[in-house]
Amino acid sequence: MIPAETVRDCLFCRIVADEVPTTLVHEDDEVVAFRDIAPRAPTHILVIPRRHVASVAALDEADLALAGRLVLAAGSIARQEGVSDAGYRIVTNIGRWGGQTVDHLHLHLMGGRPFDWPPG
């Protein structure tokens, strides 16, 4: 069980609860997506579960459907945003060394420009 204070202090949980204004591009019963406030690409959208999950590392077998919903939502949003045909990137950062700055699972959907490899 996630402590209540963690959820209250979580920026993304506050967005899900409509306590922090944002530009939503998608929402359903399990997933919310909104524009990143510091975009790294012309299209930069964060796709998050409504339920607080710290990161991919916190997922288990019971979360299989949720993980699939996140990825399918990202693909649908990419088509909606017009970046699907040229290509796009989906990234999730895990932990401090992985670059995670908000401890709530989120996928970065980025497109609208070419990307290099390897990243970072």
N, C-alpha and C. Protein backbone atom coordinates (compact mmCIF):
# COMPACT_ATOMS: atom_id res chain seq x y z
N MET A 1 0.85 -1.19 0.00
CA MET A 1 0.00 0.00 0.00
C MET A 1 0.88 1.24 0.00
N ILE A 2 0.54 2.20 -0.83
CA ILE A 2 1.30 3.44 -0.93
C ILE A 2 0.80 4.39 0.16
N PRO A 3 1.72 4.95 0.93
CA PRO A 3 1.30 5.89 1.98
C PRO A 3 0.52 7.07 1.39
N ALA A 4 -0.52 7.51 2.07
CA ALA A 4 -1.37 8.61 1.60
C ALA A 4 -0.56 9.87 1.37
N GLU A 5 0.43 10.13 2.22
CA GLU A 5 1.22 11.36 2.05
C GLU A 5 2.03 11.33 0.75
N THR A 6 2.44 10.15 0.28
CA THR A 6 3.15 10.04 -0.99
C THR A 6 2.24 10.49 -2.13
N VAL A 7 1.01 10.03 -2.13
CA VAL A 7 0.07 10.39 -3.18
C VAL A 7 -0.27 11.87 -3.09
N ARG A 8 -0.46 12.41 -1.89
CA ARG A 8 -0.76 13.83 -1.72
C ARG A 8 0.38 14.71 -2.21
N ASP A 9 1.62 14.24 -2.03
CA ASP A 9 2.79 15.01 -2.42
C ASP A 9 3.20 14.78 -3.87
N CYS A 10 2.57 13.86 -4.56
CA CYS A 10 2.95 13.50 -5.92
C CYS A 10 2.30 14.48 -6.91
N LEU A 11 3.14 15.16 -7.68
CA LEU A 11 2.65 16.12 -8.66
C LEU A 11 1.67 15.48 -9.63
N PHE A 12 2.00 14.28 -10.13
CA PHE A 12 1.13 13.65 -11.12
C PHE A 12 -0.18 13.17 -10.51
N CYS A 13 -0.17 12.74 -9.26
CA CYS A 13 -1.43 12.39 -8.59
C CYS A 13 -2.29 13.64 -8.43
N ARG A 14 -1.67 14.76 -8.19
CA ARG A 14 -2.40 16.02 -8.07
C ARG A 14 -2.98 16.44 -9.43
N ILE A 15 -2.26 16.16 -10.50
CA ILE A 15 -2.80 16.43 -11.84
C ILE A 15 -4.02 15.55 -12.09
N VAL A 16 -3.91 14.25 -11.78
CA VAL A 16 -5.03 13.33 -11.95
C VAL A 16 -6.25 13.80 -11.15
N ALA A 17 -6.01 14.37 -9.97
CA ALA A 17 -7.09 14.84 -9.11
C ALA A 17 -7.59 16.23 -9.49
N ASP A 18 -7.10 16.78 -10.59
CA ASP A 18 -7.48 18.13 -11.06
C ASP A 18 -7.10 19.22 -10.07
N GLU A 19 -6.06 19.00 -9.29
CA GLU A 19 -5.59 20.02 -8.35
C GLU A 19 -4.52 20.90 -8.99
N VAL A 20 -3.92 20.43 -10.08
CA VAL A 20 -2.89 21.18 -10.80
C VAL A 20 -3.36 21.28 -12.25
N PRO A 21 -3.44 22.50 -12.78
CA PRO A 21 -3.90 22.64 -14.16
C PRO A 21 -2.88 22.11 -15.16
N THR A 22 -3.38 21.53 -16.22
CA THR A 22 -2.53 21.01 -17.28
C THR A 22 -3.34 20.94 -18.57
N THR A 23 -2.66 20.68 -19.66
CA THR A 23 -3.33 20.54 -20.95
C THR A 23 -3.48 19.05 -21.26
N LEU A 24 -4.65 18.51 -20.99
CA LEU A 24 -4.91 17.10 -21.25
C LEU A 24 -5.06 16.85 -22.74
N VAL A 25 -4.48 15.74 -23.19
CA VAL A 25 -4.67 15.32 -24.58
C VAL A 25 -5.38 13.97 -24.65
N HIS A 26 -5.48 13.30 -23.50
CA HIS A 26 -6.15 12.00 -23.44
C HIS A 26 -6.51 11.71 -21.99
N GLU A 27 -7.66 11.10 -21.80
CA GLU A 27 -8.00 10.54 -20.50
C GLU A 27 -9.03 9.45 -20.67
N ASP A 28 -8.83 8.39 -19.90
CA ASP A 28 -9.83 7.33 -19.83
C ASP A 28 -9.85 6.86 -18.38
N ASP A 29 -10.45 5.72 -18.12
CA ASP A 29 -10.60 5.30 -16.73
C ASP A 29 -9.29 4.89 -16.06
N GLU A 30 -8.23 4.62 -16.81
CA GLU A 30 -6.96 4.19 -16.21
C GLU A 30 -5.76 5.07 -16.57
N VAL A 31 -5.87 5.87 -17.64
CA VAL A 31 -4.72 6.59 -18.17
C VAL A 31 -5.07 8.05 -18.41
N VAL A 32 -4.09 8.92 -18.12
CA VAL A 32 -4.20 10.35 -18.40
C VAL A 32 -2.95 10.75 -19.17
N ALA A 33 -3.09 11.65 -20.14
CA ALA A 33 -1.93 12.15 -20.88
C ALA A 33 -2.05 13.67 -21.01
N PHE A 34 -0.90 14.33 -20.88
CA PHE A 34 -0.88 15.78 -20.93
C PHE A 34 0.46 16.25 -21.49
N ARG A 35 0.49 17.48 -21.95
CA ARG A 35 1.69 18.06 -22.53
C ARG A 35 2.72 18.35 -21.44
N ASP A 36 3.98 18.03 -21.74
CA ASP A 36 5.07 18.29 -20.81
C ASP A 36 5.28 19.80 -20.71
N ILE A 37 5.54 20.31 -19.51
CA ILE A 37 5.73 21.75 -19.35
C ILE A 37 7.12 22.22 -19.79
N ALA A 38 8.04 21.29 -19.98
CA ALA A 38 9.39 21.61 -20.47
C ALA A 38 9.71 20.68 -21.63
N PRO A 39 9.02 20.86 -22.77
CA PRO A 39 9.15 19.90 -23.88
C PRO A 39 10.56 19.82 -24.44
N ARG A 40 10.97 18.59 -24.78
CA ARG A 40 12.26 18.32 -25.41
C ARG A 40 12.12 17.99 -26.88
N ALA A 41 10.90 18.12 -27.39
CA ALA A 41 10.60 17.88 -28.80
C ALA A 41 9.33 18.66 -29.12
N PRO A 42 9.06 18.92 -30.40
CA PRO A 42 7.83 19.64 -30.75
C PRO A 42 6.57 18.99 -30.17
N THR A 43 6.53 17.67 -30.15
CA THR A 43 5.47 16.94 -29.46
C THR A 43 6.12 16.24 -28.28
N HIS A 44 5.72 16.58 -27.07
CA HIS A 44 6.24 15.93 -25.87
C HIS A 44 5.08 15.82 -24.89
N ILE A 45 4.59 14.61 -24.76
CA ILE A 45 3.41 14.31 -23.96
C ILE A 45 3.76 13.26 -22.93
N LEU A 46 3.26 13.43 -21.71
CA LEU A 46 3.46 12.45 -20.65
C LEU A 46 2.20 11.60 -20.53
N VAL A 47 2.37 10.30 -20.52
CA VAL A 47 1.27 9.34 -20.43
C VAL A 47 1.44 8.63 -19.09
N ILE A 48 0.43 8.76 -18.21
CA ILE A 48 0.56 8.25 -16.84
C ILE A 48 -0.65 7.42 -16.45
N PRO A 49 -0.45 6.49 -15.51
CA PRO A 49 -1.62 5.81 -14.95
C PRO A 49 -2.31 6.72 -13.94
N ARG A 50 -3.61 6.63 -13.84
CA ARG A 50 -4.34 7.39 -12.81
C ARG A 50 -3.91 6.93 -11.42
N ARG A 51 -3.70 5.65 -11.28
CA ARG A 51 -3.29 5.07 -10.00
C ARG A 51 -1.81 5.35 -9.78
N HIS A 52 -1.45 5.70 -8.56
CA HIS A 52 -0.04 5.96 -8.26
C HIS A 52 0.77 4.67 -8.33
N VAL A 53 1.73 4.66 -9.23
CA VAL A 53 2.73 3.60 -9.35
C VAL A 53 4.05 4.34 -9.46
N ALA A 54 5.04 4.00 -8.65
CA ALA A 54 6.28 4.78 -8.60
C ALA A 54 7.05 4.76 -9.92
N SER A 55 7.16 3.61 -10.55
CA SER A 55 7.92 3.49 -11.81
C SER A 55 7.65 2.11 -12.39
N VAL A 56 8.27 1.84 -13.54
CA VAL A 56 8.17 0.51 -14.14
C VAL A 56 8.68 -0.55 -13.15
N ALA A 57 9.67 -0.19 -12.35
CA ALA A 57 10.24 -1.13 -11.38
C ALA A 57 9.22 -1.58 -10.34
N ALA A 58 8.15 -0.82 -10.15
CA ALA A 58 7.13 -1.18 -9.17
C ALA A 58 6.00 -2.02 -9.77
N LEU A 59 6.01 -2.24 -11.08
CA LEU A 59 4.98 -3.05 -11.72
C LEU A 59 5.20 -4.53 -11.45
N ASP A 60 4.12 -5.30 -11.43
CA ASP A 60 4.23 -6.75 -11.32
C ASP A 60 3.20 -7.39 -12.25
N GLU A 61 3.06 -8.69 -12.19
CA GLU A 61 2.15 -9.41 -13.09
C GLU A 61 0.72 -8.87 -13.04
N ALA A 62 0.28 -8.39 -11.88
CA ALA A 62 -1.07 -7.86 -11.75
C ALA A 62 -1.26 -6.57 -12.55
N ASP A 63 -0.16 -5.94 -12.95
CA ASP A 63 -0.20 -4.68 -13.68
C ASP A 63 -0.05 -4.84 -15.19
N LEU A 64 -0.10 -6.06 -15.68
CA LEU A 64 0.10 -6.32 -17.09
C LEU A 64 -0.88 -5.53 -17.97
N ALA A 65 -2.14 -5.52 -17.61
CA ALA A 65 -3.14 -4.79 -18.40
C ALA A 65 -2.87 -3.28 -18.36
N LEU A 66 -2.48 -2.76 -17.22
CA LEU A 66 -2.18 -1.34 -17.10
C LEU A 66 -1.00 -0.96 -17.98
N ALA A 67 0.05 -1.76 -17.97
CA ALA A 67 1.22 -1.49 -18.82
C ALA A 67 0.81 -1.46 -20.29
N GLY A 68 -0.01 -2.41 -20.69
CA GLY A 68 -0.49 -2.43 -22.07
C GLY A 68 -1.34 -1.22 -22.40
N ARG A 69 -2.19 -0.79 -21.48
CA ARG A 69 -3.03 0.39 -21.70
C ARG A 69 -2.17 1.64 -21.89
N LEU A 70 -1.08 1.77 -21.11
CA LEU A 70 -0.20 2.93 -21.24
C LEU A 70 0.43 2.98 -22.64
N VAL A 71 0.94 1.83 -23.09
CA VAL A 71 1.61 1.78 -24.39
C VAL A 71 0.60 1.99 -25.52
N LEU A 72 -0.56 1.38 -25.43
CA LEU A 72 -1.59 1.57 -26.47
C LEU A 72 -2.07 3.02 -26.51
N ALA A 73 -2.22 3.64 -25.35
CA ALA A 73 -2.62 5.05 -25.31
C ALA A 73 -1.56 5.91 -25.97
N ALA A 74 -0.29 5.63 -25.70
CA ALA A 74 0.80 6.40 -26.32
C ALA A 74 0.74 6.28 -27.84
N GLY A 75 0.52 5.09 -28.37
CA GLY A 75 0.43 4.89 -29.81
C GLY A 75 -0.75 5.64 -30.41
N SER A 76 -1.87 5.61 -29.73
CA SER A 76 -3.06 6.31 -30.19
C SER A 76 -2.83 7.83 -30.19
N ILE A 77 -2.20 8.32 -29.16
CA ILE A 77 -1.91 9.75 -29.07
C ILE A 77 -0.93 10.16 -30.16
N ALA A 78 0.06 9.33 -30.45
CA ALA A 78 1.02 9.63 -31.52
C ALA A 78 0.29 9.79 -32.85
N ARG A 79 -0.68 8.93 -33.13
CA ARG A 79 -1.48 9.06 -34.35
C ARG A 79 -2.30 10.35 -34.32
N GLN A 80 -2.94 10.61 -33.19
CA GLN A 80 -3.76 11.81 -33.01
C GLN A 80 -2.92 13.09 -33.20
N GLU A 81 -1.67 13.06 -32.75
CA GLU A 81 -0.79 14.23 -32.83
C GLU A 81 -0.08 14.35 -34.18
N GLY A 82 -0.24 13.34 -35.04
CA GLY A 82 0.35 13.41 -36.37
C GLY A 82 1.83 13.09 -36.44
N VAL A 83 2.37 12.40 -35.44
CA VAL A 83 3.79 12.05 -35.46
C VAL A 83 4.03 10.58 -35.76
N SER A 84 2.98 9.83 -35.92
CA SER A 84 3.10 8.39 -36.07
C SER A 84 3.83 7.97 -37.34
N ASP A 85 3.50 8.57 -38.46
CA ASP A 85 4.10 8.14 -39.73
C ASP A 85 5.60 8.41 -39.80
N ALA A 86 6.04 9.56 -39.33
CA ALA A 86 7.47 9.91 -39.38
C ALA A 86 8.27 9.19 -38.29
N GLY A 87 7.61 8.83 -37.21
CA GLY A 87 8.26 8.14 -36.11
C GLY A 87 8.29 8.98 -34.85
N TYR A 88 8.40 8.30 -33.74
CA TYR A 88 8.39 8.95 -32.44
C TYR A 88 9.13 8.08 -31.45
N ARG A 89 9.33 8.61 -30.27
CA ARG A 89 10.04 7.87 -29.22
C ARG A 89 9.15 7.80 -27.99
N ILE A 90 9.15 6.63 -27.34
CA ILE A 90 8.51 6.45 -26.04
C ILE A 90 9.61 6.08 -25.06
N VAL A 91 9.72 6.85 -23.99
CA VAL A 91 10.79 6.65 -23.00
C VAL A 91 10.18 6.65 -21.61
N THR A 92 10.70 5.81 -20.73
CA THR A 92 10.38 5.93 -19.31
C THR A 92 11.69 5.89 -18.54
N ASN A 93 11.83 6.79 -17.60
CA ASN A 93 13.02 6.86 -16.76
C ASN A 93 12.70 6.19 -15.42
N ILE A 94 13.67 5.47 -14.89
CA ILE A 94 13.45 4.71 -13.67
C ILE A 94 14.55 5.04 -12.67
N GLY A 95 14.16 5.63 -11.57
CA GLY A 95 15.11 5.94 -10.51
C GLY A 95 15.98 7.15 -10.82
N ARG A 96 16.72 7.56 -9.80
CA ARG A 96 17.55 8.76 -9.90
C ARG A 96 18.56 8.65 -11.02
N TRP A 97 19.29 7.54 -11.09
CA TRP A 97 20.31 7.39 -12.14
C TRP A 97 19.70 7.26 -13.52
N GLY A 98 18.47 6.83 -13.59
CA GLY A 98 17.78 6.73 -14.87
C GLY A 98 17.18 8.06 -15.32
N GLY A 99 17.25 9.07 -14.47
CA GLY A 99 16.75 10.39 -14.81
C GLY A 99 15.32 10.66 -14.40
N GLN A 100 14.73 9.80 -13.56
CA GLN A 100 13.36 10.00 -13.14
C GLN A 100 13.30 11.16 -12.14
N THR A 101 12.47 12.16 -12.43
CA THR A 101 12.36 13.32 -11.54
C THR A 101 11.02 13.39 -10.82
N VAL A 102 10.02 12.67 -11.30
CA VAL A 102 8.73 12.56 -10.60
C VAL A 102 8.50 11.08 -10.35
N ASP A 103 8.33 10.73 -9.08
CA ASP A 103 8.17 9.32 -8.71
C ASP A 103 6.74 8.84 -8.93
N HIS A 104 6.32 8.89 -10.17
CA HIS A 104 5.03 8.37 -10.62
C HIS A 104 5.30 7.89 -12.04
N LEU A 105 5.02 6.65 -12.30
CA LEU A 105 5.27 6.08 -13.62
C LEU A 105 4.75 6.99 -14.71
N HIS A 106 5.58 7.29 -15.69
CA HIS A 106 5.14 8.08 -16.83
C HIS A 106 5.97 7.73 -18.06
N LEU A 107 5.28 7.70 -19.19
CA LEU A 107 5.92 7.51 -20.48
C LEU A 107 6.05 8.87 -21.13
N HIS A 108 7.23 9.17 -21.64
CA HIS A 108 7.43 10.38 -22.45
C HIS A 108 7.17 9.97 -23.89
N LEU A 109 6.20 10.58 -24.52
CA LEU A 109 5.94 10.40 -25.94
C LEU A 109 6.48 11.64 -26.63
N MET A 110 7.52 11.44 -27.44
CA MET A 110 8.17 12.58 -28.10
C MET A 110 8.24 12.34 -29.60
N GLY A 111 7.95 13.38 -30.35
CA GLY A 111 8.02 13.29 -31.80
C GLY A 111 8.09 14.67 -32.42
N GLY A 112 8.09 14.69 -33.74
CA GLY A 112 8.13 15.95 -34.45
C GLY A 112 9.53 16.40 -34.84
N ARG A 113 10.53 15.56 -34.55
CA ARG A 113 11.91 15.83 -34.95
C ARG A 113 12.67 14.51 -34.93
N PRO A 114 13.82 14.44 -35.63
CA PRO A 114 14.63 13.22 -35.56
C PRO A 114 15.33 13.11 -34.20
N PHE A 115 15.57 11.89 -33.78
CA PHE A 115 16.29 11.62 -32.53
C PHE A 115 17.56 10.85 -32.84
N ASP A 116 18.59 11.06 -32.04
CA ASP A 116 19.84 10.34 -32.16
C ASP A 116 19.85 9.11 -31.27
N TRP A 117 20.80 8.22 -31.54
CA TRP A 117 21.00 7.06 -30.67
C TRP A 117 22.49 6.91 -30.45
N PRO A 118 22.96 6.63 -29.29
CA PRO A 118 22.17 6.44 -28.08
C PRO A 118 21.76 7.77 -27.46
N PRO A 119 20.63 7.75 -26.72
CA PRO A 119 20.20 8.96 -26.02
C PRO A 119 21.09 9.19 -24.81
N GLY A 120 21.17 10.40 -24.34
CA GLY A 120 21.91 10.71 -23.11
C GLY A 120 23.31 10.32 -23.21
